[in-house]
Protein backbone atom coordinates (compact mmCIF):
# COMPACT_ATOMS: atom_id res chain seq x y z
CA MET A 1 0.00 0.00 0.00
CA SER A 2 1.22 3.50 -0.82
CA GLU A 3 2.12 6.04 1.83
CA VAL A 4 -0.15 9.07 2.23
CA ILE A 5 0.84 12.71 1.79
CA LYS A 6 -1.49 15.25 3.35
CA PHE A 7 -1.92 18.60 1.59
CA LYS A 8 -3.69 21.60 3.10
CA LYS A 9 -4.85 24.64 1.16
CA VAL A 10 -3.60 27.79 2.89
CA SER A 11 -5.40 29.71 0.16
CA ASP A 12 -8.96 28.69 -0.77
CA ASP A 13 -8.32 28.63 -4.52
CA ALA A 14 -4.96 26.79 -4.43
CA ILE A 15 -4.51 23.65 -6.52
CA ILE A 16 -3.29 20.54 -4.72
CA PRO A 17 -0.28 18.92 -6.48
CA ASN A 18 -1.26 15.96 -8.63
CA TYR A 19 0.12 13.36 -11.01
CA ALA A 20 -0.78 14.07 -14.64
CA HIS A 21 -0.29 10.36 -15.42
CA ILE A 22 -0.35 7.41 -13.03
CA GLU A 23 3.18 6.42 -14.13
CA ASP A 24 4.73 9.87 -13.52
CA ALA A 25 7.48 10.20 -10.93
CA GLY A 26 6.62 13.82 -10.19
CA MET A 27 3.45 15.65 -9.24
CA ASP A 28 2.67 18.96 -10.92
CA VAL A 29 2.97 21.97 -8.61
CA TYR A 30 0.91 25.07 -9.36
CA SER A 31 1.43 28.77 -8.67
CA ASN A 32 -1.17 30.47 -6.53
CA GLU A 33 -0.30 33.96 -7.65
CA GLU A 34 0.50 35.99 -10.71
CA LYS A 35 4.09 37.18 -10.74
CA LEU A 36 6.43 38.84 -13.22
CA ILE A 37 9.93 37.37 -13.21
CA PRO A 38 12.28 39.73 -15.05
CA ALA A 39 14.91 38.39 -17.44
CA ARG A 40 17.98 37.00 -15.67
CA SER A 41 16.27 37.29 -12.29
CA TRP A 42 14.47 35.08 -9.77
CA ASP A 43 11.64 35.25 -7.27
CA LEU A 44 9.63 33.11 -4.88
CA VAL A 45 6.32 31.91 -6.27
CA LYS A 46 3.74 30.87 -3.68
CA THR A 47 1.69 27.70 -4.15
CA GLY A 48 -1.04 28.25 -1.56
CA ILE A 49 -0.48 24.80 -0.04
CA SER A 50 1.26 23.25 2.94
CA MET A 51 1.94 19.57 3.39
CA GLU A 52 2.62 16.75 5.81
CA LEU A 53 4.98 14.07 4.59
CA PRO A 54 5.12 10.60 6.13
CA SER A 55 8.00 9.94 8.50
CA GLY A 56 11.22 9.11 6.66
CA TYR A 57 10.37 10.97 3.43
CA GLU A 58 11.31 14.22 1.71
CA ALA A 59 9.83 16.11 -1.22
CA GLN A 60 12.10 17.39 -3.97
CA VAL A 61 10.91 20.37 -6.03
CA ARG A 62 12.32 20.28 -9.55
CA SER A 63 12.07 22.18 -12.81
CA LYS A 64 9.44 21.20 -15.37
CA SER A 65 11.32 20.32 -18.54
CA GLY A 66 8.75 21.80 -20.92
CA LEU A 67 8.63 25.11 -19.04
CA SER A 68 12.43 25.25 -18.96
CA LEU A 69 12.76 24.49 -22.66
CA LYS A 70 10.02 26.85 -23.86
CA SER A 71 10.44 29.73 -21.41
CA GLY A 72 13.81 29.53 -19.70
CA LEU A 73 12.28 29.12 -16.23
CA ILE A 74 14.10 26.79 -13.85
CA VAL A 75 13.83 25.97 -10.16
CA LEU A 76 16.86 27.87 -8.87
CA ASN A 77 17.84 25.51 -6.06
CA SER A 78 16.87 22.40 -7.99
CA PRO A 79 16.10 20.14 -6.45
CA GLY A 80 14.71 22.12 -3.57
CA THR A 81 14.17 19.91 -0.53
CA ILE A 82 11.10 19.96 1.68
CA ASP A 83 11.81 18.15 4.93
CA GLU A 84 9.19 15.95 6.57
CA ASN A 85 8.81 18.35 9.53
CA TYR A 86 8.17 21.52 7.46
CA ARG A 87 4.57 22.70 7.72
CA GLY A 88 4.72 26.16 6.14
CA GLU A 89 3.50 27.22 2.72
CA VAL A 90 5.40 25.60 -0.12
CA GLY A 91 7.19 28.13 -2.29
CA VAL A 92 9.09 27.61 -5.52
CA ILE A 93 12.16 29.72 -6.30
CA LEU A 94 11.90 30.29 -10.04
CA MET A 95 14.73 31.78 -12.08
CA ASN A 96 14.25 33.22 -15.51
CA VAL A 97 17.48 32.43 -17.39
CA SER A 98 16.14 33.90 -20.63
CA ASN A 99 16.61 37.43 -21.96
CA GLN A 100 12.87 38.17 -21.79
CA ASP A 101 10.62 38.88 -18.83
CA TYR A 102 8.21 36.07 -17.98
CA LYS A 103 4.78 36.42 -16.42
CA VAL A 104 3.79 33.48 -14.23
CA GLU A 105 0.02 33.05 -14.34
CA LYS A 106 -2.05 32.03 -11.33
CA HIS A 107 -2.73 28.25 -11.37
CA GLN A 108 0.08 27.64 -13.89
CA LYS A 109 2.22 24.51 -13.54
CA VAL A 110 5.55 25.87 -12.32
CA ALA A 111 7.44 22.83 -10.97
CA GLN A 112 7.23 19.15 -10.21
CA MET A 113 7.51 17.42 -6.85
CA VAL A 114 9.12 14.01 -6.40
CA ILE A 115 8.79 12.17 -3.08
CA ASN A 116 11.80 10.16 -1.89
CA LYS A 117 12.64 7.92 1.02
CA VAL A 118 15.37 9.38 3.23
CA GLU A 119 18.09 7.32 4.87
CA HIS A 120 19.91 8.70 7.90
CA PHE A 121 23.48 7.74 8.73
CA LYS A 122 25.64 7.88 11.80
CA VAL A 123 28.18 10.66 11.22
CA ILE A 124 31.70 10.19 12.58
CA GLU A 125 34.95 12.10 12.23
CA VAL A 126 38.08 10.12 11.31
CA GLU A 127 41.77 10.89 10.80
CA GLU A 128 42.01 9.06 7.44
CA ILE A 129 39.71 7.75 4.71
CA SER A 130 40.46 4.85 2.36
CA ASN A 131 41.93 5.28 -1.10
CA SER A 132 39.93 4.52 -4.25
CA SER A 133 40.70 4.08 -7.95
CA ARG A 134 39.51 7.64 -8.57
CA GLY A 135 41.29 9.19 -5.60
CA ASP A 136 40.82 12.94 -5.41
CA GLY A 137 40.09 13.34 -9.15
CA ALA A 138 37.29 15.88 -9.43
CA PHE A 139 35.50 17.78 -12.15
CA GLY A 140 36.12 16.20 -15.55
CA SER A 141 38.56 13.62 -14.20
CA THR A 142 36.58 10.76 -15.76
CA GLY A 143 37.26 11.90 -19.31
CA LEU A 144 34.78 14.69 -20.07
CA LYS A 145 35.94 16.80 -23.00
CA ASP A 146 35.82 20.59 -22.82
CA ASN A 147 34.48 21.48 -26.27
CA ASN A 148 34.98 25.19 -25.54
CA LYS A 149 38.76 24.91 -25.09
CA LYS A 150 40.88 26.17 -27.96
């Protein structure tokens, strides 16, 4: 049996997140306000909902691919994490990476929300950590080419 997520409208006309298709990983999240997001800027868009996640779960707020492709709007801190003990209004930090202002309409799909199980670990401090085949190789160390290098 599936876990239950409780949503509460903090605004009477808010839209509760929902799955567009039964197979979707993410629920659509809707704005509950009209807001202009200037080019190359960001702002918090309110959803008009709060939520109660089951114990041991988090919600991740992510960009909607179609909105990003067509309009240049992305979730700035993607994925944004909503912890199980947060009970305030859900907000989405949208950034307009395009060169044109974008008007978010009320009740527009602005993000998607994916629910994930969270594992907690015992955290310890040590003097040494083991070696690995990668070692301390970082960004691009696994063979990524920089096509912009001349």
